[in-house]
PDB file of all heavy atoms in Angstrom:
ATOM      1  N   LEU A   1      80.369 113.057  90.505  1.00  0.00           N
ATOM      2  CA  LEU A   1      80.127 112.081  91.610  1.00  0.00           C
ATOM      3  C   LEU A   1      79.246 112.760  92.666  1.00  0.00           C
ATOM      4  O   LEU A   1      78.516 112.102  93.343  1.00  0.00           O
ATOM      5  CB  LEU A   1      81.599 111.778  92.262  1.00  0.00           C
ATOM      6  CG  LEU A   1      82.423 110.991  91.393  1.00  0.00           C
ATOM      7  CD1 LEU A   1      83.789 110.827  92.056  1.00  0.00           C
ATOM      8  CD2 LEU A   1      81.797 109.525  91.091  1.00  0.00           C
ATOM      9  N   SER A   2      79.265 114.024  92.865  1.00  0.00           N
ATOM     10  CA  SER A   2      78.446 114.730  93.928  1.00  0.00           C
ATOM     11  C   SER A   2      76.960 114.563  93.527  1.00  0.00           C
ATOM     12  O   SER A   2      76.148 114.677  94.524  1.00  0.00           O
ATOM     13  CB  SER A   2      78.770 116.180  93.984  1.00  0.00           C
ATOM     14  OG  SER A   2      80.197 116.303  94.505  1.00  0.00           O
ATOM     15  N   ARG A   3      76.626 114.356  92.327  1.00  0.00           N
ATOM     16  CA  ARG A   3      75.172 114.113  91.988  1.00  0.00           C
ATOM     17  C   ARG A   3      74.690 112.790  92.579  1.00  0.00           C
ATOM     18  O   ARG A   3      73.496 112.536  92.515  1.00  0.00           O
ATOM     19  CB  ARG A   3      75.073 114.133  90.447  1.00  0.00           C
ATOM     20  CG  ARG A   3      75.181 115.422  89.754  1.00  0.00           C
ATOM     21  CD  ARG A   3      74.827 115.361  88.294  1.00  0.00           C
ATOM     22  NE  ARG A   3      75.929 115.505  87.480  1.00  0.00           N
ATOM     23  CZ  ARG A   3      76.102 115.266  86.216  1.00  0.00           C
ATOM     24  NH1 ARG A   3      74.915 114.677  85.643  1.00  0.00           N
ATOM     25  NH2 ARG A   3      77.106 115.341  85.551  1.00  0.00           N
ATOM     26  N   LEU A   4      75.617 112.003  92.920  1.00  0.00           N
ATOM     27  CA  LEU A   4      75.124 110.658  93.466  1.00  0.00           C
ATOM     28  C   LEU A   4      74.945 110.667  95.007  1.00  0.00           C
ATOM     29  O   LEU A   4      74.610 109.624  95.553  1.00  0.00           O
ATOM     30  CB  LEU A   4      76.172 109.540  93.135  1.00  0.00           C
ATOM     31  CG  LEU A   4      76.479 109.283  91.705  1.00  0.00           C
ATOM     32  CD1 LEU A   4      77.657 108.305  91.481  1.00  0.00           C
ATOM     33  CD2 LEU A   4      75.259 108.854  90.857  1.00  0.00           C
ATOM     34  N   VAL A   5      75.104 111.784  95.599  1.00  0.00           N
ATOM     35  CA  VAL A   5      75.023 111.950  97.080  1.00  0.00           C
ATOM     36  C   VAL A   5      73.721 111.424  97.607  1.00  0.00           C
ATOM     37  O   VAL A   5      73.579 110.836  98.666  1.00  0.00           O
ATOM     38  CB  VAL A   5      75.315 113.329  97.545  1.00  0.00           C
ATOM     39  CG1 VAL A   5      75.039 113.489  98.986  1.00  0.00           C
ATOM     40  CG2 VAL A   5      76.837 113.541  97.336  1.00  0.00           C
ATOM     41  N   SER A   6      72.585 111.626  96.854  1.00  0.00           N
ATOM     42  CA  SER A   6      71.240 111.397  97.226  1.00  0.00           C
ATOM     43  C   SER A   6      70.736 110.023  96.790  1.00  0.00           C
ATOM     44  O   SER A   6      69.524 109.680  97.003  1.00  0.00           O
ATOM     45  CB  SER A   6      70.192 112.558  96.975  1.00  0.00           C
ATOM     46  OG  SER A   6      70.199 112.609  95.482  1.00  0.00           O
ATOM     47  N   GLU A   7      71.570 109.360  96.063  1.00  0.00           N
ATOM     48  CA  GLU A   7      71.108 107.997  95.463  1.00  0.00           C
ATOM     49  C   GLU A   7      71.143 106.955  96.607  1.00  0.00           C
ATOM     50  O   GLU A   7      72.181 106.621  97.211  1.00  0.00           O
ATOM     51  CB  GLU A   7      72.001 107.702  94.335  1.00  0.00           C
ATOM     52  CG  GLU A   7      71.881 108.383  93.080  1.00  0.00           C
ATOM     53  CD  GLU A   7      70.647 108.101  92.424  1.00  0.00           C
ATOM     54  OE1 GLU A   7      70.116 107.066  92.567  1.00  0.00           O
ATOM     55  OE2 GLU A   7      70.212 108.987  91.624  1.00  0.00           O
ATOM     56  N   PRO A   8      70.004 106.385  96.935  1.00  0.00           N
ATOM     57  CA  PRO A   8      69.954 105.442  98.077  1.00  0.00           C
ATOM     58  C   PRO A   8      70.734 104.008  97.731  1.00  0.00           C
ATOM     59  O   PRO A   8      71.185 103.378  98.598  1.00  0.00           O
ATOM     60  CB  PRO A   8      68.427 105.111  98.095  1.00  0.00           C
ATOM     61  CG  PRO A   8      67.880 105.352  96.761  1.00  0.00           C
ATOM     62  CD  PRO A   8      68.722 106.589  96.207  1.00  0.00           C
ATOM     63  N   SER A   9      70.949 103.867  96.423  1.00  0.00           N
ATOM     64  CA  SER A   9      71.718 102.584  96.055  1.00  0.00           C
ATOM     65  C   SER A   9      73.221 102.712  96.150  1.00  0.00           C
ATOM     66  O   SER A   9      73.907 101.814  95.926  1.00  0.00           O
ATOM     67  CB  SER A   9      71.290 102.038  94.668  1.00  0.00           C
ATOM     68  OG  SER A   9      71.615 103.087  93.764  1.00  0.00           O
ATOM     69  N   VAL A  10      73.713 103.997  96.420  1.00  0.00           N
ATOM     70  CA  VAL A  10      75.056 104.372  96.453  1.00  0.00           C
ATOM     71  C   VAL A  10      75.590 104.126  97.883  1.00  0.00           C
ATOM     72  O   VAL A  10      75.065 104.542  98.848  1.00  0.00           O
ATOM     73  CB  VAL A  10      75.393 105.566  96.012  1.00  0.00           C
ATOM     74  CG1 VAL A  10      76.752 106.040  96.138  1.00  0.00           C
ATOM     75  CG2 VAL A  10      74.997 105.707  94.499  1.00  0.00           C
ATOM     76  N   ASP A  11      76.808 103.477  97.919  1.00  0.00           N
ATOM     77  CA  ASP A  11      77.564 103.447  99.196  1.00  0.00           C
ATOM     78  C   ASP A  11      78.083 104.900  99.526  1.00  0.00           C
ATOM     79  O   ASP A  11      79.161 105.198  98.974  1.00  0.00           O
ATOM     80  CB  ASP A  11      78.708 102.361  99.159  1.00  0.00           C
ATOM     81  CG  ASP A  11      79.399 102.283 100.472  1.00  0.00           C
ATOM     82  OD1 ASP A  11      79.390 103.118 101.329  1.00  0.00           O
ATOM     83  OD2 ASP A  11      80.011 101.159 100.677  1.00  0.00           O
ATOM     84  N   GLN A  12      77.501 105.586 100.472  1.00  0.00           N
ATOM     85  CA  GLN A  12      77.737 106.969 100.626  1.00  0.00           C
ATOM     86  C   GLN A  12      79.125 107.126 101.325  1.00  0.00           C
ATOM     87  O   GLN A  12      79.774 108.085 101.104  1.00  0.00           O
ATOM     88  CB  GLN A  12      76.574 107.569 101.375  1.00  0.00           C
ATOM     89  CG  GLN A  12      75.254 107.747 100.734  1.00  0.00           C
ATOM     90  CD  GLN A  12      75.414 108.496  99.442  1.00  0.00           C
ATOM     91  OE1 GLN A  12      76.091 109.570  99.513  1.00  0.00           O
ATOM     92  NE2 GLN A  12      74.664 108.157  98.444  1.00  0.00           N
ATOM     93  N   ASP A  13      79.496 106.277 102.294  1.00  0.00           N
ATOM     94  CA  ASP A  13      80.742 106.321 102.892  1.00  0.00           C
ATOM     95  C   ASP A  13      81.815 106.185 101.848  1.00  0.00           C
ATOM     96  O   ASP A  13      82.959 106.883 101.788  1.00  0.00           O
ATOM     97  CB  ASP A  13      80.922 105.304 103.961  1.00  0.00           C
ATOM     98  CG  ASP A  13      80.013 105.640 105.207  1.00  0.00           C
ATOM     99  OD1 ASP A  13      79.705 106.662 105.339  1.00  0.00           O
ATOM    100  OD2 ASP A  13      79.756 104.531 105.896  1.00  0.00           O
ATOM    101  N   ARG A  14      81.719 105.298 100.980  1.00  0.00           N
ATOM    102  CA  ARG A  14      82.682 104.944  99.995  1.00  0.00           C
ATOM    103  C   ARG A  14      82.710 106.240  98.938  1.00  0.00           C
ATOM    104  O   ARG A  14      83.932 106.651  98.620  1.00  0.00           O
ATOM    105  CB  ARG A  14      82.379 103.739  99.111  1.00  0.00           C
ATOM    106  CG  ARG A  14      83.313 103.175  98.146  1.00  0.00           C
ATOM    107  CD  ARG A  14      82.686 102.080  97.320  1.00  0.00           C
ATOM    108  NE  ARG A  14      82.520 100.990  98.131  1.00  0.00           N
ATOM    109  CZ  ARG A  14      83.457  99.881  98.461  1.00  0.00           C
ATOM    110  NH1 ARG A  14      84.592 100.031  97.840  1.00  0.00           N
ATOM    111  NH2 ARG A  14      83.076  98.900  99.141  1.00  0.00           N
ATOM    112  N   LEU A  15      81.558 106.766  98.579  1.00  0.00           N
ATOM    113  CA  LEU A  15      81.541 107.846  97.719  1.00  0.00           C
ATOM    114  C   LEU A  15      82.187 109.045  98.358  1.00  0.00           C
ATOM    115  O   LEU A  15      83.035 109.866  97.758  1.00  0.00           O
ATOM    116  CB  LEU A  15      80.131 108.228  97.388  1.00  0.00           C
ATOM    117  CG  LEU A  15      79.949 109.401  96.525  1.00  0.00           C
ATOM    118  CD1 LEU A  15      80.621 109.209  95.137  1.00  0.00           C
ATOM    119  CD2 LEU A  15      78.417 109.693  96.307  1.00  0.00           C
ATOM    120  N   THR A  16      81.953 109.336  99.663  1.00  0.00           N
ATOM    121  CA  THR A  16      82.509 110.430 100.397  1.00  0.00           C
ATOM    122  C   THR A  16      84.089 110.278 100.401  1.00  0.00           C
ATOM    123  O   THR A  16      84.757 111.400 100.240  1.00  0.00           O
ATOM    124  CB  THR A  16      82.036 110.479 101.805  1.00  0.00           C
ATOM    125  OG1 THR A  16      80.487 110.702 101.716  1.00  0.00           O
ATOM    126  CG2 THR A  16      82.583 111.730 102.591  1.00  0.00           C
ATOM    127  N   ARG A  17      84.596 109.170 100.695  1.00  0.00           N
ATOM    128  CA  ARG A  17      86.062 109.002 100.720  1.00  0.00           C
ATOM    129  C   ARG A  17      86.630 109.317  99.442  1.00  0.00           C
ATOM    130  O   ARG A  17      87.827 109.902  99.329  1.00  0.00           O
ATOM    131  CB  ARG A  17      86.352 107.562 101.194  1.00  0.00           C
ATOM    132  CG  ARG A  17      86.037 107.321 102.711  1.00  0.00           C
ATOM    133  CD  ARG A  17      86.772 106.103 103.266  1.00  0.00           C
ATOM    134  NE  ARG A  17      86.286 104.856 102.526  1.00  0.00           N
ATOM    135  CZ  ARG A  17      85.294 104.098 102.852  1.00  0.00           C
ATOM    136  NH1 ARG A  17      84.521 104.463 103.889  1.00  0.00           N
ATOM    137  NH2 ARG A  17      84.913 102.978 102.187  1.00  0.00           N
ATOM    138  N   VAL A  18      86.037 108.910  98.389  1.00  0.00           N
ATOM    139  CA  VAL A  18      86.620 109.109  96.976  1.00  0.00           C
ATOM    140  C   VAL A  18      86.648 110.573  96.540  1.00  0.00           C
ATOM    141  O   VAL A  18      87.641 111.110  96.283  1.00  0.00           O
ATOM    142  CB  VAL A  18      85.778 108.402  95.893  1.00  0.00           C
ATOM    143  CG1 VAL A  18      86.379 108.754  94.493  1.00  0.00           C
ATOM    144  CG2 VAL A  18      86.083 106.892  96.029  1.00  0.00           C
ATOM    145  N   ILE A  19      85.581 111.345  96.915  1.00  0.00           N
ATOM    146  CA  ILE A  19      85.435 112.732  96.693  1.00  0.00           C
ATOM    147  C   ILE A  19      86.416 113.452  97.565  1.00  0.00           C
ATOM    148  O   ILE A  19      87.215 114.417  97.064  1.00  0.00           O
ATOM    149  CB  ILE A  19      83.963 113.248  96.933  1.00  0.00           C
ATOM    150  CG1 ILE A  19      83.018 112.623  95.900  1.00  0.00           C
ATOM    151  CG2 ILE A  19      83.960 114.727  96.922  1.00  0.00           C
ATOM    152  CD1 ILE A  19      81.626 113.043  95.986  1.00  0.00           C
ATOM    153  N   GLU A  20      86.512 113.067  98.793  1.00  0.00           N
ATOM    154  CA  GLU A  20      87.506 113.725  99.659  1.00  0.00           C
ATOM    155  C   GLU A  20      88.940 113.488  99.186  1.00  0.00           C
ATOM    156  O   GLU A  20      89.790 114.479  99.280  1.00  0.00           O
ATOM    157  CB  GLU A  20      87.381 113.204 101.079  1.00  0.00           C
ATOM    158  CG  GLU A  20      88.380 113.791 102.091  1.00  0.00           C
ATOM    159  CD  GLU A  20      88.168 115.279 102.281  1.00  0.00           C
ATOM    160  OE1 GLU A  20      87.083 115.834 101.930  1.00  0.00           O
ATOM    161  OE2 GLU A  20      89.151 115.994 102.649  1.00  0.00           O
ATOM    162  N   GLN A  21      89.208 112.310  98.708  1.00  0.00           N
ATOM    163  CA  GLN A  21      90.633 112.081  98.154  1.00  0.00           C
ATOM    164  C   GLN A  21      90.843 112.940  96.878  1.00  0.00           C
ATOM    165  O   GLN A  21      92.002 113.544  96.711  1.00  0.00           O
ATOM    166  CB  GLN A  21      90.741 110.572  97.693  1.00  0.00           C
ATOM    167  CG  GLN A  21      92.081 110.220  97.246  1.00  0.00           C
ATOM    168  CD  GLN A  21      92.326 108.794  96.754  1.00  0.00           C
ATOM    169  OE1 GLN A  21      91.128 108.064  96.755  1.00  0.00           O
ATOM    170  NE2 GLN A  21      93.379 108.337  96.606  1.00  0.00           N
ATOM    171  N   GLN A  22      89.795 113.185  96.083  1.00  0.00           N
ATOM    172  CA  GLN A  22      89.965 114.072  94.991  1.00  0.00           C
ATOM    173  C   GLN A  22      90.322 115.458  95.439  1.00  0.00           C
ATOM    174  O   GLN A  22      91.063 116.238  94.737  1.00  0.00           O
ATOM    175  CB  GLN A  22      88.771 114.032  94.025  1.00  0.00           C
ATOM    176  CG  GLN A  22      88.530 112.649  93.282  1.00  0.00           C
ATOM    177  CD  GLN A  22      87.300 112.648  92.594  1.00  0.00           C
ATOM    178  OE1 GLN A  22      86.229 112.876  93.214  1.00  0.00           O
ATOM    179  NE2 GLN A  22      87.245 112.027  91.500  1.00  0.00           N
ATOM    180  N   ARG A  23      89.566 115.954  96.357  1.00  0.00           N
ATOM    181  CA  ARG A  23      89.678 117.279  96.845  1.00  0.00           C
ATOM    182  C   ARG A  23      91.170 117.547  97.470  1.00  0.00           C
ATOM    183  O   ARG A  23      91.708 118.558  97.313  1.00  0.00           O
ATOM    184  CB  ARG A  23      88.603 117.627  97.960  1.00  0.00           C
ATOM    185  CG  ARG A  23      87.323 117.945  97.306  1.00  0.00           C
ATOM    186  CD  ARG A  23      86.279 118.188  98.308  1.00  0.00           C
ATOM    187  NE  ARG A  23      85.034 118.518  97.589  1.00  0.00           N
ATOM    188  CZ  ARG A  23      83.727 118.214  98.155  1.00  0.00           C
ATOM    189  NH1 ARG A  23      83.635 117.624  99.350  1.00  0.00           N
ATOM    190  NH2 ARG A  23      82.662 118.508  97.471  1.00  0.00           N
ATOM    191  N   GLN A  24      91.575 116.354  98.196  1.00  0.00           N
ATOM    192  CA  GLN A  24      92.881 116.464  98.721  1.00  0.00           C
ATOM    193  C   GLN A  24      94.062 116.639  97.548  1.00  0.00           C
ATOM    194  O   GLN A  24      95.115 117.299  97.812  1.00  0.00           O
ATOM    195  CB  GLN A  24      93.208 115.313  99.708  1.00  0.00           C
ATOM    196  CG  GLN A  24      92.400 115.287 100.906  1.00  0.00           C
ATOM    197  CD  GLN A  24      92.561 114.126 101.878  1.00  0.00           C
ATOM    198  OE1 GLN A  24      93.365 113.235 101.262  1.00  0.00           O
ATOM    199  NE2 GLN A  24      91.967 113.993 102.830  1.00  0.00           N
ATOM    200  N   LEU A  25      93.858 115.998  96.626  1.00  0.00           N
ATOM    201  CA  LEU A  25      94.766 115.943  95.495  1.00  0.00           C
ATOM    202  C   LEU A  25      94.731 117.369  94.833  1.00  0.00           C
ATOM    203  O   LEU A  25      95.902 117.745  94.295  1.00  0.00           O
ATOM    204  CB  LEU A  25      94.407 114.698  94.468  1.00  0.00           C
ATOM    205  CG  LEU A  25      94.728 113.372  94.883  1.00  0.00           C
ATOM    206  CD1 LEU A  25      94.033 112.417  93.878  1.00  0.00           C
ATOM    207  CD2 LEU A  25      96.229 113.234  95.018  1.00  0.00           C
ATOM    208  N   ILE A  26      93.638 117.999  94.681  1.00  0.00           N
ATOM    209  CA  ILE A  26      93.532 119.302  94.129  1.00  0.00           C
ATOM    210  C   ILE A  26      94.321 120.269  94.928  1.00  0.00           C
ATOM    211  O   ILE A  26      95.148 121.037  94.470  1.00  0.00           O
ATOM    212  CB  ILE A  26      92.039 119.819  93.995  1.00  0.00           C
ATOM    213  CG1 ILE A  26      91.314 118.981  92.992  1.00  0.00           C
ATOM    214  CG2 ILE A  26      92.068 121.359  93.735  1.00  0.00           C
ATOM    215  CD1 ILE A  26      89.913 119.299  92.852  1.00  0.00           C
ATOM    216  N   GLU A  27      94.252 120.121  96.347  1.00  0.00           N
ATOM    217  CA  GLU A  27      94.992 120.998  97.194  1.00  0.00           C
ATOM    218  C   GLU A  27      96.468 120.656  97.052  1.00  0.00           C
ATOM    219  O   GLU A  27      97.293 121.514  97.089  1.00  0.00           O
ATOM    220  CB  GLU A  27      94.504 120.796  98.648  1.00  0.00           C
ATOM    221  CG  GLU A  27      93.150 121.284  98.933  1.00  0.00           C
ATOM    222  CD  GLU A  27      93.070 122.778  98.647  1.00  0.00           C
ATOM    223  OE1 GLU A  27      94.039 123.526  99.195  1.00  0.00           O
ATOM    224  OE2 GLU A  27      92.119 123.295  98.010  1.00  0.00           O
ATOM    225  N   GLN A  28      96.777 119.477  96.938  1.00  0.00           N
ATOM    226  CA  GLN A  28      98.261 119.034  96.842  1.00  0.00           C
ATOM    227  C   GLN A  28      98.902 119.540  95.585  1.00  0.00           C
ATOM    228  O   GLN A  28     100.006 120.003  95.588  1.00  0.00           O
ATOM    229  CB  GLN A  28      98.227 117.458  96.694  1.00  0.00           C
ATOM    230  CG  GLN A  28      99.615 116.874  96.651  1.00  0.00           C
ATOM    231  CD  GLN A  28      99.640 115.383  96.725  1.00  0.00           C
ATOM    232  OE1 GLN A  28      99.247 114.829  97.741  1.00  0.00           O
ATOM    233  NE2 GLN A  28     100.119 114.713  95.633  1.00  0.00           N
ATOM    234  N   ILE A  29      98.069 119.636  94.516  1.00  0.00           N
ATOM    235  CA  ILE A  29      98.522 120.101  93.253  1.00  0.00           C
ATOM    236  C   ILE A  29      98.773 121.642  93.321  1.00  0.00           C
ATOM    237  O   ILE A  29      99.662 122.358  92.849  1.00  0.00           O
ATOM    238  CB  ILE A  29      97.642 119.784  92.110  1.00  0.00           C
ATOM    239  CG1 ILE A  29      97.604 118.240  91.879  1.00  0.00           C
ATOM    240  CG2 ILE A  29      98.041 120.535  90.739  1.00  0.00           C
ATOM    241  CD1 ILE A  29      96.539 117.860  90.874  1.00  0.00           C
ATOM    242  N   HIS A  30      97.880 122.287  94.071  1.00  0.00           N
ATOM    243  CA  HIS A  30      97.934 123.794  94.249  1.00  0.00           C
ATOM    244  C   HIS A  30      99.265 124.140  94.954  1.00  0.00           C
ATOM    245  O   HIS A  30      99.735 125.271  94.790  1.00  0.00           O
ATOM    246  CB  HIS A  30      96.689 124.222  95.232  1.00  0.00           C
ATOM    247  CG  HIS A  30      95.583 124.698  94.357  1.00  0.00           C
ATOM    248  ND1 HIS A  30      95.644 125.848  93.429  1.00  0.00           N
ATOM    249  CD2 HIS A  30      94.210 124.231  94.283  1.00  0.00           C
ATOM    250  CE1 HIS A  30      94.438 125.919  92.942  1.00  0.00           C
ATOM    251  NE2 HIS A  30      93.563 125.090  93.474  1.00  0.00           N
ATOM    252  N   THR A  31      99.677 123.252  95.874  1.00  0.00           N
ATOM    253  CA  THR A  31     100.923 123.592  96.698  1.00  0.00           C
ATOM    254  C   THR A  31     102.130 123.404  95.875  1.00  0.00           C
ATOM    255  O   THR A  31     103.242 123.884  96.386  1.00  0.00           O
ATOM    256  CB  THR A  31     100.957 122.585  97.943  1.00  0.00           C
ATOM    257  OG1 THR A  31     101.152 121.271  97.447  1.00  0.00           O
ATOM    258  CG2 THR A  31      99.719 122.777  98.788  1.00  0.00           C
ATOM    259  N   ILE A  32     102.140 122.956  94.634  1.00  0.00           N
ATOM    260  CA  ILE A  32     103.316 122.841  93.850  1.00  0.00           C
ATOM    261  C   ILE A  32     103.558 124.179  93.324  1.00  0.00           C
ATOM    262  O   ILE A  32     102.874 124.627  92.335  1.00  0.00           O
ATOM    263  CB  ILE A  32     103.100 121.839  92.703  1.00  0.00           C
ATOM    264  CG1 ILE A  32     102.841 120.303  93.298  1.00  0.00           C
ATOM    265  CG2 ILE A  32     104.409 121.711  91.841  1.00  0.00           C
ATOM    266  CD1 ILE A  32     102.527 119.368  92.209  1.00  0.00           C
ATOM    267  N   ASN A  33     104.616 124.897  93.731  1.00  0.00           N
ATOM    268  CA  ASN A  33     104.841 126.149  93.330  1.00  0.00           C
ATOM    269  C   ASN A  33     105.597 126.145  91.993  1.00  0.00           C
ATOM    270  O   ASN A  33     106.572 125.485  91.701  1.00  0.00           O
ATOM    271  CB  ASN A  33     105.749 126.891  94.378  1.00  0.00           C
ATOM    272  CG  ASN A  33     105.135 127.043  95.601  1.00  0.00           C
ATOM    273  OD1 ASN A  33     103.937 127.397  95.684  1.00  0.00           O
ATOM    274  ND2 ASN A  33     105.826 126.857  96.753  1.00  0.00           N
ATOM    275  N   GLY A  34     105.162 127.238  91.142  1.00  0.00           N
ATOM    276  CA  GLY A  34     105.875 127.338  89.792  1.00  0.00           C
ATOM    277  C   GLY A  34     105.519 126.185  88.952  1.00  0.00           C
ATOM    278  O   GLY A  34     104.746 125.374  89.008  1.00  0.00           O
ATOM    279  N   GLN A  35     106.434 126.127  87.899  1.00  0.00           N
ATOM    280  CA  GLN A  35     106.326 125.096  86.901  1.00  0.00           C
ATOM    281  C   GLN A  35     106.915 123.816  87.403  1.00  0.00           C
ATOM    282  O   GLN A  35     107.669 123.807  88.370  1.00  0.00           O
ATOM    283  CB  GLN A  35     107.121 125.518  85.593  1.00  0.00           C
ATOM    284  CG  GLN A  35     106.449 126.599  84.904  1.00  0.00           C
ATOM    285  CD  GLN A  35     107.351 127.063  83.631  1.00  0.00           C
ATOM    286  OE1 GLN A  35     108.467 126.722  83.531  1.00  0.00           O
ATOM    287  NE2 GLN A  35     106.610 127.859  82.718  1.00  0.00           N
ATOM    288  N   LEU A  36     106.503 122.727  86.906  1.00  0.00           N
ATOM    289  CA  LEU A  36     106.889 121.337  87.346  1.00  0.00           C
ATOM    290  C   LEU A  36     108.364 121.150  87.200  1.00  0.00           C
ATOM    291  O   LEU A  36     108.968 120.413  87.970  1.00  0.00           O
ATOM    292  CB  LEU A  36     106.112 120.278  86.528  1.00  0.00           C
ATOM    293  CG  LEU A  36     104.633 120.203  86.866  1.00  0.00           C
ATOM    294  CD1 LEU A  36     103.869 119.236  86.016  1.00  0.00           C
ATOM    295  CD2 LEU A  36     104.285 119.884  88.401  1.00  0.00           C
ATOM    296  N   ASP A  37     108.995 121.809  86.221  1.00  0.00           N
ATOM    297  CA  ASP A  37     110.397 121.587  85.975  1.00  0.00           C
ATOM    298  C   ASP A  37     111.198 122.745  86.577  1.00  0.00           C
ATOM    299  O   ASP A  37     112.416 122.907  86.268  1.00  0.00           O
ATOM    300  CB  ASP A  37     110.700 121.400  84.464  1.00  0.00           C
ATOM    301  CG  ASP A  37     110.441 122.729  83.744  1.00  0.00           C
ATOM    302  OD1 ASP A  37     109.724 123.628  84.287  1.00  0.00           O
ATOM    303  OD2 ASP A  37     110.963 122.866  82.543  1.00  0.00           O
ATOM    304  N   GLN A  38     110.738 123.489  87.401  1.00  0.00           N
ATOM    305  CA  GLN A  38     111.388 124.742  87.982  1.00  0.00           C
ATOM    306  C   GLN A  38     112.757 124.314  88.615  1.00  0.00           C
ATOM    307  O   GLN A  38     113.683 124.972  88.455  1.00  0.00           O
ATOM    308  CB  GLN A  38     110.481 125.489  89.009  1.00  0.00           C
ATOM    309  CG  GLN A  38     111.042 126.836  89.400  1.00  0.00           C
ATOM    310  CD  GLN A  38     109.978 127.599  90.169  1.00  0.00           C
ATOM    311  OE1 GLN A  38     108.895 127.218  90.379  1.00  0.00           O
ATOM    312  NE2 GLN A  38     110.390 128.782  90.697  1.00  0.00           N
ATOM    313  N   GLN A  39     112.626 123.302  89.404  1.00  0.00           N
ATOM    314  CA  GLN A  39     113.870 122.833  90.146  1.00  0.00           C
ATOM    315  C   GLN A  39     114.969 122.240  89.105  1.00  0.00           C
ATOM    316  O   GLN A  39     116.256 122.549  89.341  1.00  0.00           O
ATOM    317  CB  GLN A  39     113.586 121.817  91.176  1.00  0.00           C
ATOM    318  CG  GLN A  39     114.827 121.245  91.895  1.00  0.00           C
ATOM    319  CD  GLN A  39     114.478 120.113  92.918  1.00  0.00           C
ATOM    320  OE1 GLN A  39     113.229 119.728  93.096  1.00  0.00           O
ATOM    321  NE2 GLN A  39     115.514 119.508  93.463  1.00  0.00           N
ATOM    322  N   ILE A  40     114.549 121.556  88.113  1.00  0.00           N
ATOM    323  CA  ILE A  40     115.457 120.927  87.231  1.00  0.00           C
ATOM    324  C   ILE A  40     116.048 121.869  86.226  1.00  0.00           C
ATOM    325  O   ILE A  40     117.254 121.788  85.936  1.00  0.00           O
ATOM    326  CB  ILE A  40     114.775 119.684  86.463  1.00  0.00           C
ATOM    327  CG1 ILE A  40     114.298 118.684  87.516  1.00  0.00           C
ATOM    328  CG2 ILE A  40     115.713 119.118  85.539  1.00  0.00           C
ATOM    329  CD1 ILE A  40     113.394 117.619  86.928  1.00  0.00           C
ATOM    330  N   LYS A  41     115.256 122.762  85.720  1.00  0.00           N
ATOM    331  CA  LYS A  41     115.798 123.590  84.574  1.00  0.00           C
ATOM    332  C   LYS A  41     116.843 124.648  85.111  1.00  0.00           C
ATOM    333  O   LYS A  41     117.584 125.095  84.215  1.00  0.00           O
ATOM    334  CB  LYS A  41     114.636 124.388  84.016  1.00  0.00           C
ATOM    335  CG  LYS A  41     113.922 125.436  84.786  1.00  0.00           C
ATOM    336  CD  LYS A  41     112.801 126.225  84.012  1.00  0.00           C
ATOM    337  CE  LYS A  41     112.190 127.297  84.887  1.00  0.00           C
ATOM    338  NZ  LYS A  41     111.076 127.928  84.103  1.00  0.00           N
ATOM    339  N   THR A  42     117.081 124.767  86.342  1.00  0.00           N
ATOM    340  CA  THR A  42     118.159 125.671  86.843  1.00  0.00           C
ATOM    341  C   THR A  42     119.386 124.892  87.193  1.00  0.00           C
ATOM    342  O   THR A  42     120.371 125.375  87.639  1.00  0.00           O
ATOM    343  CB  THR A  42     117.711 126.508  88.034  1.00  0.00           C
ATOM    344  OG1 THR A  42     117.240 125.540  89.099  1.00  0.00           O
ATOM    345  CG2 THR A  42     116.493 127.331  87.695  1.00  0.00           C
TER     346      THR A  42
END
């Protein structure tokens, strides 16, 4: 998606919001400590 930043036909505000949402989700996944079933398996 970042390759489209310079495309004049692209809604840059819309594109920026989507990319920012993806980056926030990566950070959110990073904050999940340990394995996904860590709480349940004990």
